[in-house]
Every structure is written in structure tokens, then in C-alpha cells.
C-alpha atoms as a PDB file:
ATOM      1  CA  MET A   1      78.802 120.796 123.993  1.00  0.00           C
ATOM      2  CA  ILE A   2      77.143 117.868 122.229  1.00  0.00           C
ATOM      3  CA  LYS A   3      73.493 117.406 123.162  1.00  0.00           C
ATOM      4  CA  VAL A   4      72.042 113.907 122.852  1.00  0.00           C
ATOM      5  CA  LEU A   5      68.412 112.867 123.364  1.00  0.00           C
ATOM      6  CA  PHE A   6      67.640 109.145 123.548  1.00  0.00           C
ATOM      7  CA  VAL A   7      64.054 108.338 122.594  1.00  0.00           C
ATOM      8  CA  CYS A   8      61.740 105.335 122.929  1.00  0.00           C
ATOM      9  CA  HIS A   9      58.003 104.783 123.216  1.00  0.00           C
ATOM     10  CA  GLY A  10      57.446 105.412 126.939  1.00  0.00           C
ATOM     11  CA  ASN A  11      60.759 106.774 128.301  1.00  0.00           C
ATOM     12  CA  ILE A  12      60.902 104.307 131.168  1.00  0.00           C
ATOM     13  CA  CYS A  13      62.877 101.353 129.717  1.00  0.00           C
ATOM     14  CA  ARG A  14      65.167 101.643 126.678  1.00  0.00           C
ATOM     15  CA  SER A  15      65.735 105.390 126.395  1.00  0.00           C
ATOM     16  CA  THR A  16      66.431 105.801 130.103  1.00  0.00           C
ATOM     17  CA  MET A  17      68.737 102.784 129.983  1.00  0.00           C
ATOM     18  CA  ALA A  18      70.596 104.339 127.048  1.00  0.00           C
ATOM     19  CA  GLN A  19      70.774 107.686 128.874  1.00  0.00           C
ATOM     20  CA  PHE A  20      72.244 106.085 132.000  1.00  0.00           C
ATOM     21  CA  VAL A  21      74.663 103.815 130.099  1.00  0.00           C
ATOM     22  CA  PHE A  22      75.893 106.585 127.807  1.00  0.00           C
ATOM     23  CA  GLN A  23      76.274 109.064 130.697  1.00  0.00           C
ATOM     24  CA  ASP A  24      78.305 106.476 132.604  1.00  0.00           C
ATOM     25  CA  MET A  25      80.561 105.856 129.573  1.00  0.00           C
ATOM     26  CA  VAL A  26      81.084 109.585 129.067  1.00  0.00           C
ATOM     27  CA  ASN A  27      81.845 110.084 132.771  1.00  0.00           C
ATOM     28  CA  ARG A  28      84.322 107.199 132.850  1.00  0.00           C
ATOM     29  CA  GLN A  29      86.236 108.781 129.970  1.00  0.00           C
ATOM     30  CA  GLY A  30      86.231 112.198 131.666  1.00  0.00           C
ATOM     31  CA  LEU A  31      84.142 113.736 128.873  1.00  0.00           C
ATOM     32  CA  GLN A  32      81.123 114.818 130.936  1.00  0.00           C
ATOM     33  CA  ASP A  33      81.811 118.533 130.342  1.00  0.00           C
ATOM     34  CA  GLN A  34      81.428 117.991 126.602  1.00  0.00           C
ATOM     35  CA  PHE A  35      77.983 116.361 126.693  1.00  0.00           C
ATOM     36  CA  TYR A  36      74.409 117.022 127.728  1.00  0.00           C
ATOM     37  CA  ILE A  37      72.452 113.744 127.741  1.00  0.00           C
ATOM     38  CA  ASP A  38      68.741 113.188 128.336  1.00  0.00           C
ATOM     39  CA  SER A  39      65.877 110.959 127.213  1.00  0.00           C
ATOM     40  CA  ALA A  40      62.239 111.266 126.180  1.00  0.00           C
ATOM     41  CA  ALA A  41      59.196 109.360 124.906  1.00  0.00           C
ATOM     42  CA  THR A  42      57.235 109.551 121.703  1.00  0.00           C
ATOM     43  CA  SER A  43      54.016 108.738 123.590  1.00  0.00           C
ATOM     44  CA  ARG A  44      52.254 110.258 126.584  1.00  0.00           C
ATOM     45  CA  GLU A  45      51.503 106.906 128.252  1.00  0.00           C
ATOM     46  CA  GLU A  46      54.151 106.995 130.983  1.00  0.00           C
ATOM     47  CA  LEU A  47      54.557 110.759 131.516  1.00  0.00           C
ATOM     48  CA  GLY A  48      55.804 111.542 135.013  1.00  0.00           C
ATOM     49  CA  ASN A  49      56.731 107.936 135.797  1.00  0.00           C
ATOM     50  CA  ARG A  50      60.150 106.878 137.000  1.00  0.00           C
ATOM     51  CA  PRO A  51      62.317 104.389 135.081  1.00  0.00           C
ATOM     52  CA  HIS A  52      60.935 100.836 134.941  1.00  0.00           C
ATOM     53  CA  TYR A  53      62.062  98.635 137.838  1.00  0.00           C
ATOM     54  CA  GLY A  54      63.647  96.228 135.314  1.00  0.00           C
ATOM     55  CA  THR A  55      65.854  99.033 133.971  1.00  0.00           C
ATOM     56  CA  VAL A  56      66.746 100.154 137.497  1.00  0.00           C
ATOM     57  CA  GLN A  57      67.582  96.582 138.545  1.00  0.00           C
ATOM     58  CA  LYS A  58      69.760  96.003 135.458  1.00  0.00           C
ATOM     59  CA  MET A  59      71.651  99.267 135.986  1.00  0.00           C
ATOM     60  CA  ARG A  60      72.342  98.301 139.603  1.00  0.00           C
ATOM     61  CA  GLU A  61      73.574  94.845 138.483  1.00  0.00           C
ATOM     62  CA  GLU A  62      75.988  96.524 136.071  1.00  0.00           C
ATOM     63  CA  GLY A  63      77.140  99.183 138.560  1.00  0.00           C
ATOM     64  CA  ILE A  64      75.742 102.027 136.462  1.00  0.00           C
ATOM     65  CA  PRO A  65      74.249 104.970 138.376  1.00  0.00           C
ATOM     66  CA  VAL A  66      70.498 105.420 138.050  1.00  0.00           C
ATOM     67  CA  LEU A  67      69.896 109.123 137.525  1.00  0.00           C
ATOM     68  CA  LYS A  68      66.827 110.958 138.783  1.00  0.00           C
ATOM     69  CA  HIS A  69      64.402 110.895 135.870  1.00  0.00           C
ATOM     70  CA  TYR A  70      60.693 111.177 135.174  1.00  0.00           C
ATOM     71  CA  ALA A  71      59.257 110.293 131.770  1.00  0.00           C
ATOM     72  CA  VAL A  72      58.710 113.244 129.429  1.00  0.00           C
ATOM     73  CA  GLN A  73      57.476 113.467 125.869  1.00  0.00           C
ATOM     74  CA  MET A  74      59.714 114.603 123.030  1.00  0.00           C
ATOM     75  CA  THR A  75      58.701 117.946 121.529  1.00  0.00           C
ATOM     76  CA  ARG A  76      59.209 119.741 118.241  1.00  0.00           C
ATOM     77  CA  GLN A  77      61.562 122.140 120.089  1.00  0.00           C
ATOM     78  CA  ASP A  78      63.871 119.230 120.972  1.00  0.00           C
ATOM     79  CA  TYR A  79      64.904 119.118 117.317  1.00  0.00           C
ATOM     80  CA  GLU A  80      66.388 122.603 117.659  1.00  0.00           C
ATOM     81  CA  GLU A  81      67.936 121.991 121.084  1.00  0.00           C
ATOM     82  CA  TYR A  82      69.670 118.632 120.467  1.00  0.00           C
ATOM     83  CA  ASP A  83      72.416 117.621 118.051  1.00  0.00           C
ATOM     84  CA  TYR A  84      71.438 113.947 118.013  1.00  0.00           C
ATOM     85  CA  LEU A  85      67.998 112.411 118.556  1.00  0.00           C
ATOM     86  CA  ILE A  86      68.530 108.680 118.931  1.00  0.00           C
ATOM     87  CA  GLY A  87      65.635 106.225 118.686  1.00  0.00           C
ATOM     88  CA  MET A  88      65.604 102.595 119.722  1.00  0.00           C
ATOM     89  CA  GLU A  89      63.519 101.120 116.866  1.00  0.00           C
ATOM     90  CA  HIS A  90      61.990 102.077 113.521  1.00  0.00           C
ATOM     91  CA  PHE A  91      58.601 102.659 115.161  1.00  0.00           C
ATOM     92  CA  ASN A  92      60.280 105.337 117.326  1.00  0.00           C
ATOM     93  CA  LEU A  93      61.854 106.978 114.276  1.00  0.00           C
ATOM     94  CA  ARG A  94      58.511 107.244 112.544  1.00  0.00           C
ATOM     95  CA  ASN A  95      56.935 108.864 115.603  1.00  0.00           C
ATOM     96  CA  MET A  96      59.935 111.150 116.180  1.00  0.00           C
ATOM     97  CA  LYS A  97      59.631 112.462 112.624  1.00  0.00           C
ATOM     98  CA  ARG A  98      55.886 112.894 113.132  1.00  0.00           C
ATOM     99  CA  ILE A  99      56.585 115.024 116.224  1.00  0.00           C
ATOM    100  CA  VAL A 100      59.266 117.222 114.624  1.00  0.00           C
ATOM    101  CA  GLY A 101      57.790 117.352 111.123  1.00  0.00           C
ATOM    102  CA  SER A 102      60.922 116.466 109.164  1.00  0.00           C
ATOM    103  CA  ASP A 103      64.632 115.875 109.609  1.00  0.00           C
ATOM    104  CA  PRO A 104      66.413 118.343 107.305  1.00  0.00           C
ATOM    105  CA  GLN A 105      69.609 118.337 109.408  1.00  0.00           C
ATOM    106  CA  GLN A 106      69.757 114.513 109.600  1.00  0.00           C
ATOM    107  CA  LYS A 107      69.745 114.490 113.420  1.00  0.00           C
ATOM    108  CA  ILE A 108      67.450 111.487 113.876  1.00  0.00           C
ATOM    109  CA  HIS A 109      69.077 108.030 113.949  1.00  0.00           C
ATOM    110  CA  LEU A 110      68.670 104.568 115.435  1.00  0.00           C
ATOM    111  CA  LEU A 111      71.143 103.746 118.200  1.00  0.00           C
ATOM    112  CA  LEU A 112      72.208 100.477 116.616  1.00  0.00           C
ATOM    113  CA  ASP A 113      72.828 102.169 113.245  1.00  0.00           C
ATOM    114  CA  TYR A 114      76.229 103.093 114.699  1.00  0.00           C
ATOM    115  CA  THR A 115      77.140  99.403 115.107  1.00  0.00           C
ATOM    116  CA  LYS A 116      78.303  96.801 112.619  1.00  0.00           C
ATOM    117  CA  HIS A 117      74.888  95.113 112.863  1.00  0.00           C
ATOM    118  CA  PRO A 118      72.123  97.756 112.616  1.00  0.00           C
ATOM    119  CA  ARG A 119      68.788  96.574 114.005  1.00  0.00           C
ATOM    120  CA  ASP A 120      65.993  97.539 116.363  1.00  0.00           C
ATOM    121  CA  ILE A 121      66.324  97.214 120.122  1.00  0.00           C
ATOM    122  CA  SER A 122      63.502  95.068 121.481  1.00  0.00           C
ATOM    123  CA  ASP A 123      61.232  96.688 124.055  1.00  0.00           C
ATOM    124  CA  PRO A 124      61.673  94.906 127.407  1.00  0.00           C
ATOM    125  CA  TRP A 125      58.243  96.181 128.464  1.00  0.00           C
ATOM    126  CA  TYR A 126      56.924  93.446 126.147  1.00  0.00           C
ATOM    127  CA  THR A 127      59.775  90.912 126.126  1.00  0.00           C
ATOM    128  CA  GLY A 128      60.686  91.106 129.826  1.00  0.00           C
ATOM    129  CA  ASN A 129      64.309  90.588 128.754  1.00  0.00           C
ATOM    130  CA  PHE A 130      66.253  93.495 130.239  1.00  0.00           C
ATOM    131  CA  ASP A 131      69.524  91.573 129.838  1.00  0.00           C
ATOM    132  CA  GLU A 132      69.145  91.451 126.046  1.00  0.00           C
ATOM    133  CA  THR A 133      68.088  95.096 125.931  1.00  0.00           C
ATOM    134  CA  TYR A 134      71.113  96.054 128.016  1.00  0.00           C
ATOM    135  CA  ARG A 135      73.493  94.174 125.692  1.00  0.00           C
ATOM    136  CA  ASP A 136      72.035  95.992 122.681  1.00  0.00           C
ATOM    137  CA  VAL A 137      72.036  99.384 124.412  1.00  0.00           C
ATOM    138  CA  LYS A 138      75.635  98.925 125.581  1.00  0.00           C
ATOM    139  CA  GLU A 139      76.757  97.888 122.090  1.00  0.00           C
ATOM    140  CA  GLY A 140      74.988 100.900 120.579  1.00  0.00           C
ATOM    141  CA  CYS A 141      76.305 103.380 123.131  1.00  0.00           C
ATOM    142  CA  GLU A 142      79.889 102.157 122.708  1.00  0.00           C
ATOM    143  CA  ALA A 143      79.666 102.498 118.921  1.00  0.00           C
ATOM    144  CA  PHE A 144      77.916 105.881 119.164  1.00  0.00           C
ATOM    145  CA  LEU A 145      80.556 107.269 121.526  1.00  0.00           C
ATOM    146  CA  GLU A 146      83.319 105.958 119.256  1.00  0.00           C
ATOM    147  CA  TYR A 147      81.604 107.674 116.303  1.00  0.00           C
ATOM    148  CA  LEU A 148      81.334 110.969 118.207  1.00  0.00           C
ATOM    149  CA  ILE A 149      84.961 110.893 119.350  1.00  0.00           C
ATOM    150  CA  LYS A 150      86.070 110.376 115.731  1.00  0.00           C
ATOM    151  CA  ASN A 151      83.688 112.867 114.121  1.00  0.00           C
ATOM    152  CA  GLU A 152      82.952 115.623 116.654  1.00  0.00           C
ATOM    153  CA  ASN A 153      86.452 116.696 117.697  1.00  0.00           C
ATOM    154  CA  ILE A 154      86.082 115.386 121.252  1.00  0.00           C
ATOM    155  CA  LYS A 155      89.256 115.349 123.311  1.00  0.00           C
END
């Protein structure tokens, strides 16, 4: 089983969106038994809160199930438990590495690093643009799943 943790600053916008989008893609391909997918924050600001209403609204518009989720903070132990720890922007990567100490197994990556145009995913908490965030998250999740199917012996 491949374990994936999506990470952003507060775990209510981008990382939950990536979790829901990626889970939906995996389910649609009948691969759900081969994955464990979750999300977390690098900060403590939103702990215990549900996904942002903008994320929930966008998922409903796209027909993607909104899973039951409450914001949690990433821990050092997550590095041992997950195969991939996927951040949304460079700021997240810096904080993820601060939490885990180092990345000797090269598990920490940006979601859009799997695409042809690596870049950060803007935080809709600040931009208010959940449509743009969704387009970036979808692009990243598609490329990430394609990468995993090619490189992780997924059938």
C-alpha cells in the first residue's frame, strides 16, 4: 500500500482539496485498495477545523466527494508512516523539513513538481481563487498518479 500525505499551511484549503481530488482519482481507477491518502498542516492555526467552505463548494461543483476531515498538524512520525509527503508550496517544504528534521529518503516533494511546469500552488485563503487552486491541484494530482502508476508497480 502506498501512503500519501498532502500538506499545506492550515490543512483546510489546498491539502484537503488535494486529498479529496487524489482519492477520487484513485477510486475512479479502482486503485483504492493500493493507497492510503490523508492530509495535514505545518501550522497549528486551524487544528480541529473542517475544510474551508471554498474547498467544500469547489469539490461539490466538480462532483468530488468531500470526506470527513478535521485539520491536524504533521508530525515527525509521519515521515516514517508515509511514502510520500507532498507540499503545496516551497514555504510548506521548508516547514515540513523543520518538523521532520531532514529528508534522507527523499519523501518530501511539491505536488506540481510532478508536472511539466513545476511551481507553487497559491493559497486560496489569501487569493480567494478556489478555481485556480483546483486547476493546479487537479493538474498535480493527475501527474502524481501517472508517476506512481509508472514507478510503483500499481496495477
